[in-house]
């Protein structure tokens, strides 16, 4: 199972709710497991993959760059 490689013009924040897989971000990759919280910056290129017998449940949201800058400054 592989999602399509993509980018966006907003911040994406996602939580791994269940399962495990791999997050491919720019030129690197990192294992994902339930409980991981990840922030993707605008213009990052990323996608997900997981083994055929695995499932990856993700809860995600998008936030504007302005909102993120304000939140990050706190």
C-alpha atoms as a PDB file:
ATOM      1  CA  UNK A   1       0.000   0.000   0.000  1.00  0.00           C
ATOM      2  CA  UNK A   2       1.500   3.322  -1.107  1.00  0.00           C
ATOM      3  CA  UNK A   3      -0.072   6.784  -1.215  1.00  0.00           C
ATOM      4  CA  UNK A   4       0.794   9.204  -3.987  1.00  0.00           C
ATOM      5  CA  UNK A   5       3.749  11.507  -3.505  1.00  0.00           C
ATOM      6  CA  UNK A   6       2.504  15.063  -3.000  1.00  0.00           C
ATOM      7  CA  UNK A   7       3.107  18.534  -1.608  1.00  0.00           C
ATOM      8  CA  UNK A   8       0.844  21.406  -0.514  1.00  0.00           C
ATOM      9  CA  UNK A   9       0.829  25.101   0.320  1.00  0.00           C
ATOM     10  CA  UNK A  10      -0.266  24.650   3.950  1.00  0.00           C
ATOM     11  CA  UNK A  11       0.916  22.850   7.067  1.00  0.00           C
ATOM     12  CA  UNK A  12      -0.434  19.345   7.551  1.00  0.00           C
ATOM     13  CA  UNK A  13      -0.562  17.831  11.022  1.00  0.00           C
ATOM     14  CA  UNK A  14      -1.332  14.149  11.331  1.00  0.00           C
ATOM     15  CA  UNK A  15      -1.647  11.595  14.106  1.00  0.00           C
ATOM     16  CA  UNK A  16      -1.147   7.880  13.554  1.00  0.00           C
ATOM     17  CA  UNK A  17      -4.265   6.409  15.162  1.00  0.00           C
ATOM     18  CA  UNK A  18      -3.538   2.743  14.466  1.00  0.00           C
ATOM     19  CA  UNK A  19      -1.186   0.538  12.511  1.00  0.00           C
ATOM     20  CA  UNK A  20       2.350   1.092  11.335  1.00  0.00           C
ATOM     21  CA  UNK A  21       4.101   2.118   8.156  1.00  0.00           C
ATOM     22  CA  UNK A  22       6.740   4.392   6.701  1.00  0.00           C
ATOM     23  CA  UNK A  23       6.600   8.133   6.072  1.00  0.00           C
ATOM     24  CA  UNK A  24       8.688   9.196   3.083  1.00  0.00           C
ATOM     25  CA  UNK A  25       9.549  12.875   3.557  1.00  0.00           C
ATOM     26  CA  UNK A  26      11.647  14.773   1.037  1.00  0.00           C
ATOM     27  CA  UNK A  27      14.696  12.488   0.672  1.00  0.00           C
ATOM     28  CA  UNK A  28      14.377  10.564   3.948  1.00  0.00           C
ATOM     29  CA  UNK A  29      12.035   8.102   5.554  1.00  0.00           C
ATOM     30  CA  UNK A  30      10.886   7.285   9.077  1.00  0.00           C
ATOM     31  CA  UNK A  31       8.939   4.456  10.644  1.00  0.00           C
ATOM     32  CA  UNK A  32       5.439   5.385  11.810  1.00  0.00           C
ATOM     33  CA  UNK A  33       3.525   3.796  14.685  1.00  0.00           C
ATOM     34  CA  UNK A  34       0.334   4.500  16.603  1.00  0.00           C
ATOM     35  CA  UNK A  35       0.693   7.649  18.700  1.00  0.00           C
ATOM     36  CA  UNK A  36       3.155   9.437  16.398  1.00  0.00           C
ATOM     37  CA  UNK A  37       2.307  13.086  15.696  1.00  0.00           C
ATOM     38  CA  UNK A  38       3.896  14.602  12.583  1.00  0.00           C
ATOM     39  CA  UNK A  39       3.949  18.114  11.113  1.00  0.00           C
ATOM     40  CA  UNK A  40       4.506  18.597   7.397  1.00  0.00           C
ATOM     41  CA  UNK A  41       5.646  22.042   6.249  1.00  0.00           C
ATOM     42  CA  UNK A  42       4.464  23.731   3.076  1.00  0.00           C
ATOM     43  CA  UNK A  43       6.464  22.549   0.072  1.00  0.00           C
ATOM     44  CA  UNK A  44       7.614  19.323   1.796  1.00  0.00           C
ATOM     45  CA  UNK A  45       7.178  16.372  -0.540  1.00  0.00           C
ATOM     46  CA  UNK A  46       5.855  13.247   1.147  1.00  0.00           C
ATOM     47  CA  UNK A  47       3.904  10.032   0.948  1.00  0.00           C
ATOM     48  CA  UNK A  48       3.156   6.951   3.063  1.00  0.00           C
ATOM     49  CA  UNK A  49       3.673   3.262   2.606  1.00  0.00           C
ATOM     50  CA  UNK A  50       2.937   0.149   4.605  1.00  0.00           C
ATOM     51  CA  UNK A  51       3.307  -3.588   4.170  1.00  0.00           C
ATOM     52  CA  UNK A  52       0.540  -5.345   2.291  1.00  0.00           C
ATOM     53  CA  UNK A  53      -0.737  -7.001   5.493  1.00  0.00           C
ATOM     54  CA  UNK A  54      -0.668  -3.718   7.491  1.00  0.00           C
ATOM     55  CA  UNK A  55      -3.142  -0.879   7.690  1.00  0.00           C
ATOM     56  CA  UNK A  56      -2.364   2.697   8.605  1.00  0.00           C
ATOM     57  CA  UNK A  57      -5.112   4.836  10.152  1.00  0.00           C
ATOM     58  CA  UNK A  58      -4.336   8.550  10.073  1.00  0.00           C
ATOM     59  CA  UNK A  59      -6.188  11.540  11.500  1.00  0.00           C
ATOM     60  CA  UNK A  60      -4.993  14.685   9.793  1.00  0.00           C
ATOM     61  CA  UNK A  61      -5.781  18.354   9.515  1.00  0.00           C
ATOM     62  CA  UNK A  62      -4.510  21.291   7.510  1.00  0.00           C
ATOM     63  CA  UNK A  63      -3.629  24.687   8.978  1.00  0.00           C
ATOM     64  CA  UNK A  64      -2.589  27.924   7.307  1.00  0.00           C
ATOM     65  CA  UNK A  65       1.001  29.096   7.458  1.00  0.00           C
ATOM     66  CA  UNK A  66      -0.091  32.196   9.430  1.00  0.00           C
ATOM     67  CA  UNK A  67      -1.913  30.113  12.026  1.00  0.00           C
ATOM     68  CA  UNK A  68       1.131  27.816  12.349  1.00  0.00           C
ATOM     69  CA  UNK A  69       3.536  30.745  12.868  1.00  0.00           C
ATOM     70  CA  UNK A  70       1.303  32.101  15.633  1.00  0.00           C
ATOM     71  CA  UNK A  71       0.978  28.664  17.279  1.00  0.00           C
ATOM     72  CA  UNK A  72       4.716  27.993  17.007  1.00  0.00           C
ATOM     73  CA  UNK A  73       5.547  31.330  18.659  1.00  0.00           C
ATOM     74  CA  UNK A  74       3.619  30.263  21.775  1.00  0.00           C
END
